[in-house]
Structures are given as C-alpha cells and as structure tokens.
C-alpha atoms as a PDB file:
ATOM      1  CA  MET A   1       0.219  -0.080   0.134  1.00  0.00           C
ATOM      2  CA  PRO A   2       1.559   3.285  -0.913  1.00  0.00           C
ATOM      3  CA  ARG A   3       2.343   5.859   1.844  1.00  0.00           C
ATOM      4  CA  THR A   4       0.087   8.935   1.865  1.00  0.00           C
ATOM      5  CA  THR A   5       0.604  12.563   3.651  1.00  0.00           C
ATOM      6  CA  SER A   6      -2.235  14.256   4.827  1.00  0.00           C
ATOM      7  CA  LYS A   7      -2.530  17.889   3.558  1.00  0.00           C
ATOM      8  CA  ILE A   8      -2.417  19.120   7.174  1.00  0.00           C
ATOM      9  CA  SER A   9       1.052  17.616   7.744  1.00  0.00           C
ATOM     10  CA  ARG A  10       2.299  18.815   4.353  1.00  0.00           C
ATOM     11  CA  ASP A  11       0.860  22.318   5.579  1.00  0.00           C
ATOM     12  CA  GLY A  12       3.456  22.540   8.309  1.00  0.00           C
ATOM     13  CA  GLN A  13       3.807  19.232  10.573  1.00  0.00           C
ATOM     14  CA  PHE A  14       0.974  20.316  13.011  1.00  0.00           C
ATOM     15  CA  ALA A  15       1.986  18.172  15.799  1.00  0.00           C
ATOM     16  CA  GLU A  16       5.637  19.138  15.543  1.00  0.00           C
ATOM     17  CA  ARG A  17       4.462  22.944  15.560  1.00  0.00           C
ATOM     18  CA  LEU A  18       2.221  22.461  18.572  1.00  0.00           C
ATOM     19  CA  ALA A  19       4.965  20.458  20.571  1.00  0.00           C
ATOM     20  CA  MET A  20       7.740  23.271  19.922  1.00  0.00           C
ATOM     21  CA  GLY A  21       8.226  25.623  22.429  1.00  0.00           C
ATOM     22  CA  GLY A  22       7.208  29.467  22.537  1.00  0.00           C
ATOM     23  CA  GLN A  23       3.641  28.794  22.344  1.00  0.00           C
ATOM     24  CA  PRO A  24       1.003  30.344  21.774  1.00  0.00           C
ATOM     25  CA  GLN A  25       2.995  32.113  19.054  1.00  0.00           C
ATOM     26  CA  ALA A  26       4.652  29.665  17.180  1.00  0.00           C
ATOM     27  CA  TYR A  27       1.343  27.990  16.820  1.00  0.00           C
ATOM     28  CA  LEU A  28      -0.243  31.204  15.669  1.00  0.00           C
ATOM     29  CA  ASP A  29       2.037  31.638  13.078  1.00  0.00           C
ATOM     30  CA  TRP A  30       1.580  28.301  11.799  1.00  0.00           C
ATOM     31  CA  LEU A  31      -2.425  28.992  11.810  1.00  0.00           C
ATOM     32  CA  ALA A  32      -1.833  32.381  10.077  1.00  0.00           C
ATOM     33  CA  THR A  33       0.173  30.615   7.277  1.00  0.00           C
ATOM     34  CA  LEU A  34      -2.737  27.937   7.164  1.00  0.00           C
ATOM     35  CA  TYR A  35      -5.272  30.113   6.375  1.00  0.00           C
ATOM     36  CA  LYS A  36      -2.806  32.400   4.051  1.00  0.00           C
ATOM     37  CA  ARG A  37      -2.482  29.028   1.871  1.00  0.00           C
ATOM     38  CA  ARG A  38      -5.948  27.733   1.917  1.00  0.00           C
ATOM     39  CA  VAL A  39      -8.230  30.958   2.135  1.00  0.00           C
ATOM     40  CA  GLY A  40      -5.541  33.859   1.406  1.00  0.00           C
ATOM     41  CA  TRP A  41      -5.649  37.135   3.199  1.00  0.00           C
ATOM     42  CA  LYS A  42      -3.856  40.656   3.124  1.00  0.00           C
ATOM     43  CA  MET A  43      -4.297  40.930   6.779  1.00  0.00           C
ATOM     44  CA  LEU A  44      -5.223  38.152   9.365  1.00  0.00           C
ATOM     45  CA  THR A  45      -6.480  39.139  12.943  1.00  0.00           C
ATOM     46  CA  LEU A  46      -7.801  37.048  15.885  1.00  0.00           C
ATOM     47  CA  MET A  47     -10.344  38.880  18.403  1.00  0.00           C
ATOM     48  CA  THR A  48     -11.853  37.577  21.535  1.00  0.00           C
ATOM     49  CA  PHE A  49     -14.827  38.425  23.329  1.00  0.00           C
ATOM     50  CA  ASP A  50     -16.144  38.805  26.756  1.00  0.00           C
ATOM     51  CA  PRO A  51     -19.944  38.953  26.731  1.00  0.00           C
ATOM     52  CA  LYS A  52     -20.273  38.853  30.283  1.00  0.00           C
ATOM     53  CA  ARG A  53     -17.850  41.952  30.452  1.00  0.00           C
ATOM     54  CA  ARG A  54     -18.660  42.959  27.073  1.00  0.00           C
ATOM     55  CA  LEU A  55     -15.020  43.327  26.094  1.00  0.00           C
ATOM     56  CA  ALA A  56     -13.349  42.538  22.902  1.00  0.00           C
ATOM     57  CA  ARG A  57      -9.747  42.096  22.483  1.00  0.00           C
ATOM     58  CA  ARG A  58      -7.410  41.723  19.284  1.00  0.00           C
ATOM     59  CA  VAL A  59      -5.186  39.055  20.417  1.00  0.00           C
ATOM     60  CA  TYR A  60      -3.095  38.379  17.243  1.00  0.00           C
ATOM     61  CA  THR A  61      -2.322  40.053  14.182  1.00  0.00           C
ATOM     62  CA  THR A  62      -0.444  39.916  10.896  1.00  0.00           C
ATOM     63  CA  ASP A  63      -0.412  43.718  10.482  1.00  0.00           C
ATOM     64  CA  GLU A  64       1.235  44.902  14.012  1.00  0.00           C
ATOM     65  CA  GLU A  65       1.975  48.397  12.345  1.00  0.00           C
ATOM     66  CA  ASN A  66      -1.494  49.191  11.207  1.00  0.00           C
ATOM     67  CA  TYR A  67      -3.656  46.887  13.723  1.00  0.00           C
ATOM     68  CA  PRO A  68      -1.298  45.839  16.640  1.00  0.00           C
ATOM     69  CA  VAL A  69      -2.586  43.751  19.473  1.00  0.00           C
ATOM     70  CA  SER A  70      -4.784  45.490  21.833  1.00  0.00           C
ATOM     71  CA  ALA A  71      -6.068  46.046  25.155  1.00  0.00           C
ATOM     72  CA  ASP A  72      -9.888  45.321  26.287  1.00  0.00           C
ATOM     73  CA  LYS A  73     -12.541  47.766  24.221  1.00  0.00           C
ATOM     74  CA  PRO A  74     -16.151  48.111  24.813  1.00  0.00           C
ATOM     75  CA  MET A  75     -18.441  45.727  22.771  1.00  0.00           C
ATOM     76  CA  THR A  76     -21.515  47.651  21.619  1.00  0.00           C
ATOM     77  CA  ASP A  77     -24.427  45.976  20.120  1.00  0.00           C
ATOM     78  CA  SER A  78     -24.571  45.785  16.434  1.00  0.00           C
ATOM     79  CA  ASP A  79     -25.905  43.724  13.650  1.00  0.00           C
ATOM     80  CA  TRP A  80     -22.686  42.204  13.072  1.00  0.00           C
ATOM     81  CA  GLY A  81     -22.234  40.745  16.718  1.00  0.00           C
ATOM     82  CA  ASP A  82     -25.976  39.424  16.472  1.00  0.00           C
ATOM     83  CA  LEU A  83     -24.756  37.599  13.242  1.00  0.00           C
ATOM     84  CA  VAL A  84     -21.539  36.459  14.316  1.00  0.00           C
ATOM     85  CA  LEU A  85     -21.151  36.203  17.856  1.00  0.00           C
ATOM     86  CA  LYS A  86     -24.794  35.376  18.605  1.00  0.00           C
ATOM     87  CA  GLY A  87     -25.812  33.763  15.396  1.00  0.00           C
ATOM     88  CA  ARG A  88     -22.381  32.088  14.885  1.00  0.00           C
ATOM     89  CA  GLU A  89     -22.675  32.903  11.092  1.00  0.00           C
ATOM     90  CA  VAL A  90     -19.848  33.855   8.846  1.00  0.00           C
ATOM     91  CA  PHE A  91     -19.872  37.322   8.169  1.00  0.00           C
ATOM     92  CA  VAL A  92     -18.551  37.910   4.411  1.00  0.00           C
ATOM     93  CA  ALA A  93     -18.382  41.213   2.764  1.00  0.00           C
ATOM     94  CA  ARG A  94     -17.054  41.140  -0.872  1.00  0.00           C
ATOM     95  CA  ARG A  95     -16.533  44.538  -0.915  1.00  0.00           C
ATOM     96  CA  HIS A  96     -16.370  47.808   0.986  1.00  0.00           C
ATOM     97  CA  GLU A  97     -19.819  48.778   0.597  1.00  0.00           C
ATOM     98  CA  GLU A  98     -20.663  45.709   2.347  1.00  0.00           C
ATOM     99  CA  PHE A  99     -18.561  46.126   5.743  1.00  0.00           C
ATOM    100  CA  LYS A 100     -18.933  49.890   5.843  1.00  0.00           C
ATOM    101  CA  PRO A 101     -21.906  49.819   8.177  1.00  0.00           C
ATOM    102  CA  HIS A 102     -20.226  47.622  10.296  1.00  0.00           C
ATOM    103  CA  PHE A 103     -16.478  48.377  10.674  1.00  0.00           C
ATOM    104  CA  VAL A 104     -15.819  51.759  12.096  1.00  0.00           C
ATOM    105  CA  ASP A 105     -12.464  51.464  10.549  1.00  0.00           C
ATOM    106  CA  TRP A 106     -13.726  50.952   7.025  1.00  0.00           C
ATOM    107  CA  GLU A 107     -11.907  53.913   5.482  1.00  0.00           C
ATOM    108  CA  LYS A 108      -8.569  52.848   7.164  1.00  0.00           C
ATOM    109  CA  LEU A 109      -9.090  49.113   5.700  1.00  0.00           C
ATOM    110  CA  ARG A 110     -10.019  50.567   2.184  1.00  0.00           C
ATOM    111  CA  ALA A 111      -6.898  52.931   2.104  1.00  0.00           C
ATOM    112  CA  LEU A 112      -4.685  49.977   3.001  1.00  0.00           C
ATOM    113  CA  GLY A 113      -6.347  47.947  -0.302  1.00  0.00           C
ATOM    114  CA  MET A 114      -8.127  45.974   1.771  1.00  0.00           C
ATOM    115  CA  GLU A 115     -11.905  45.821   0.531  1.00  0.00           C
ATOM    116  CA  ALA A 116     -13.036  42.365   1.203  1.00  0.00           C
ATOM    117  CA  ALA A 117     -13.784  40.644   4.656  1.00  0.00           C
ATOM    118  CA  VAL A 118     -14.455  37.741   5.916  1.00  0.00           C
ATOM    119  CA  ASN A 119     -15.037  36.947  10.128  1.00  0.00           C
ATOM    120  CA  PHE A 120     -15.316  33.168  11.018  1.00  0.00           C
ATOM    121  CA  PRO A 121     -16.666  32.672  14.730  1.00  0.00           C
ATOM    122  CA  ILE A 122     -14.809  30.204  16.348  1.00  0.00           C
ATOM    123  CA  VAL A 123     -17.345  28.019  18.607  1.00  0.00           C
ATOM    124  CA  LEU A 124     -16.651  25.102  21.130  1.00  0.00           C
ATOM    125  CA  ASP A 125     -18.580  23.770  23.567  1.00  0.00           C
ATOM    126  CA  ASP A 126     -21.290  25.784  22.833  1.00  0.00           C
ATOM    127  CA  ALA A 127     -19.482  29.070  23.291  1.00  0.00           C
ATOM    128  CA  VAL A 128     -17.878  31.272  20.581  1.00  0.00           C
ATOM    129  CA  LEU A 129     -14.265  31.491  21.478  1.00  0.00           C
ATOM    130  CA  GLY A 130     -13.336  34.560  19.147  1.00  0.00           C
ATOM    131  CA  THR A 131     -13.194  35.571  15.414  1.00  0.00           C
ATOM    132  CA  VAL A 132     -10.742  34.905  12.672  1.00  0.00           C
ATOM    133  CA  ASN A 133     -10.649  37.743  10.382  1.00  0.00           C
ATOM    134  CA  LEU A 134      -9.439  38.013   7.059  1.00  0.00           C
ATOM    135  CA  THR A 135      -9.254  40.833   4.662  1.00  0.00           C
ATOM    136  CA  ALA A 136      -8.183  41.144   0.878  1.00  0.00           C
ATOM    137  CA  GLY A 137      -8.830  42.801  -2.369  1.00  0.00           C
ATOM    138  CA  ARG A 138     -12.387  43.418  -3.674  1.00  0.00           C
ATOM    139  CA  GLY A 139     -14.109  40.183  -4.506  1.00  0.00           C
ATOM    140  CA  PHE A 140     -11.653  37.949  -3.343  1.00  0.00           C
ATOM    141  CA  TYR A 141     -13.682  35.911  -0.730  1.00  0.00           C
ATOM    142  CA  THR A 142     -15.779  33.550  -3.140  1.00  0.00           C
ATOM    143  CA  ALA A 143     -17.969  30.631  -1.658  1.00  0.00           C
ATOM    144  CA  ALA A 144     -15.155  28.241  -2.272  1.00  0.00           C
ATOM    145  CA  ARG A 145     -12.630  30.398   0.004  1.00  0.00           C
ATOM    146  CA  VAL A 146     -15.201  31.027   2.795  1.00  0.00           C
ATOM    147  CA  ALA A 147     -15.760  27.151   2.725  1.00  0.00           C
ATOM    148  CA  ALA A 148     -12.319  26.343   3.035  1.00  0.00           C
ATOM    149  CA  GLY A 149     -11.991  28.734   5.982  1.00  0.00           C
ATOM    150  CA  LYS A 150     -14.954  27.228   7.570  1.00  0.00           C
ATOM    151  CA  ARG A 151     -12.737  23.791   7.557  1.00  0.00           C
ATOM    152  CA  LEU A 152      -9.942  25.338   9.707  1.00  0.00           C
ATOM    153  CA  ALA A 153     -12.339  26.131  12.659  1.00  0.00           C
ATOM    154  CA  PRO A 154     -10.765  23.233  14.582  1.00  0.00           C
ATOM    155  CA  PHE A 155      -7.434  24.196  13.949  1.00  0.00           C
ATOM    156  CA  ALA A 156      -8.561  27.810  15.318  1.00  0.00           C
ATOM    157  CA  ALA A 157      -9.921  26.563  18.252  1.00  0.00           C
ATOM    158  CA  LEU A 158      -6.758  25.178  19.242  1.00  0.00           C
ATOM    159  CA  GLY A 159      -5.153  28.573  18.723  1.00  0.00           C
ATOM    160  CA  PHE A 160      -7.896  30.185  20.831  1.00  0.00           C
ATOM    161  CA  LEU A 161      -7.394  27.764  23.806  1.00  0.00           C
ATOM    162  CA  LEU A 162      -3.593  28.318  23.510  1.00  0.00           C
ATOM    163  CA  ILE A 163      -4.201  32.216  23.816  1.00  0.00           C
ATOM    164  CA  GLU A 164      -6.392  31.611  26.941  1.00  0.00           C
ATOM    165  CA  ARG A 165      -3.968  29.349  28.127  1.00  0.00           C
ATOM    166  CA  ALA A 166      -0.631  31.493  27.825  1.00  0.00           C
ATOM    167  CA  PRO A 167       0.023  34.912  29.993  1.00  0.00           C
ATOM    168  CA  ARG A 168      -1.165  38.127  28.348  1.00  0.00           C
ATOM    169  CA  ALA A 169       1.457  39.219  25.996  1.00  0.00           C
ATOM    170  CA  SER A 170       1.847  40.798  22.487  1.00  0.00           C
ATOM    171  CA  ARG A 171       1.107  38.176  19.985  1.00  0.00           C
ATOM    172  CA  LYS A 172       1.824  39.273  16.255  1.00  0.00           C
ATOM    173  CA  ALA A 173       2.852  37.521  13.267  1.00  0.00           C
ATOM    174  CA  ALA A 174       6.790  36.919  13.393  1.00  0.00           C
ATOM    175  CA  ARG A 175       8.624  38.635  10.622  1.00  0.00           C
END
C-alpha cells in the first residue's frame, strides 16, 4: 500500500508545531500560514470577546503597524455582533460597501487596499471563543474560499485555547 501524507501534515507538520516551545506564538504563526494557503488574506487578526464583561480584544495580528494587538475595548450592540457572535454565522463582505456599516475603520481598511472581509466565529462547547478575521482585495472571498476557511475552525479553536492558557503578551506575526 502506498504511503500517503495528509494535507495538514504537508502544511506545516501540525504535531511538531504544536509541540514546539514558544506557544502560543509558534502555533498562531503556523495557523496564519495555514489560512493564507487555504483561504488567502492580506491581513489576518484574531479577536476574543467577553460577553459577560462586554469586552473585545485583538489578540493576534499579521499587521502590527496598522492593527496592533490591543487592550480590552467595550463591545457595542450591532448587527455584526448579532450575526457573528450570537448567530454564529460567518460574515462575508466581498466589497467595502458591504462592511462599511459594520466596521468603524472601513476607510482605513480601504486605504490599505483591503476591500473584502470575512469573519469566522470559532465555537467550542457552545461558546464563541473568538473570531478569525481576514481581509483582502475586492471580490476575493468566494464561496469556495469561505468554505475552505470554515474547515479550518478546529485548528483556530486550538489557537484560541492556547491563547487562553498563555500569559497576556503581545501576539503578532513573526517577521
């Protein structure tokens, strides 16, 4: 019988990456690469949400200069929150006009050449751990790309669990 290698193994030796020291940074950098290969992005961020305290936090970024890891920010009621955090649905905007009503920073994103966005809620044990947020050029997020991103949810869930386990520290993409 011929030997086969899984796609995930080829994408970065999942078990080896997870076993490395320097967590969660090493794993999150691998996760960002996995999303880049499977879905594509110009920028990736991870956000966590505390619904009881009504706080949000950017906990990982691939663009520290423009979208750094941040302190807690108050959450407000919004259609986006109802869809993604309460409804656990993926938010897809294929052009900036579709994310403009939801993103206060839409002009900054557009100026950086990011005119499409997708936000994947990552759910474990009936709770939203956070969101994986991708941005790219206009029209980039096709149904096939969104489906590919949905399949990565278990890997993102593990990333959020590693973040919860780690001391609070800046988590940005390795350069």
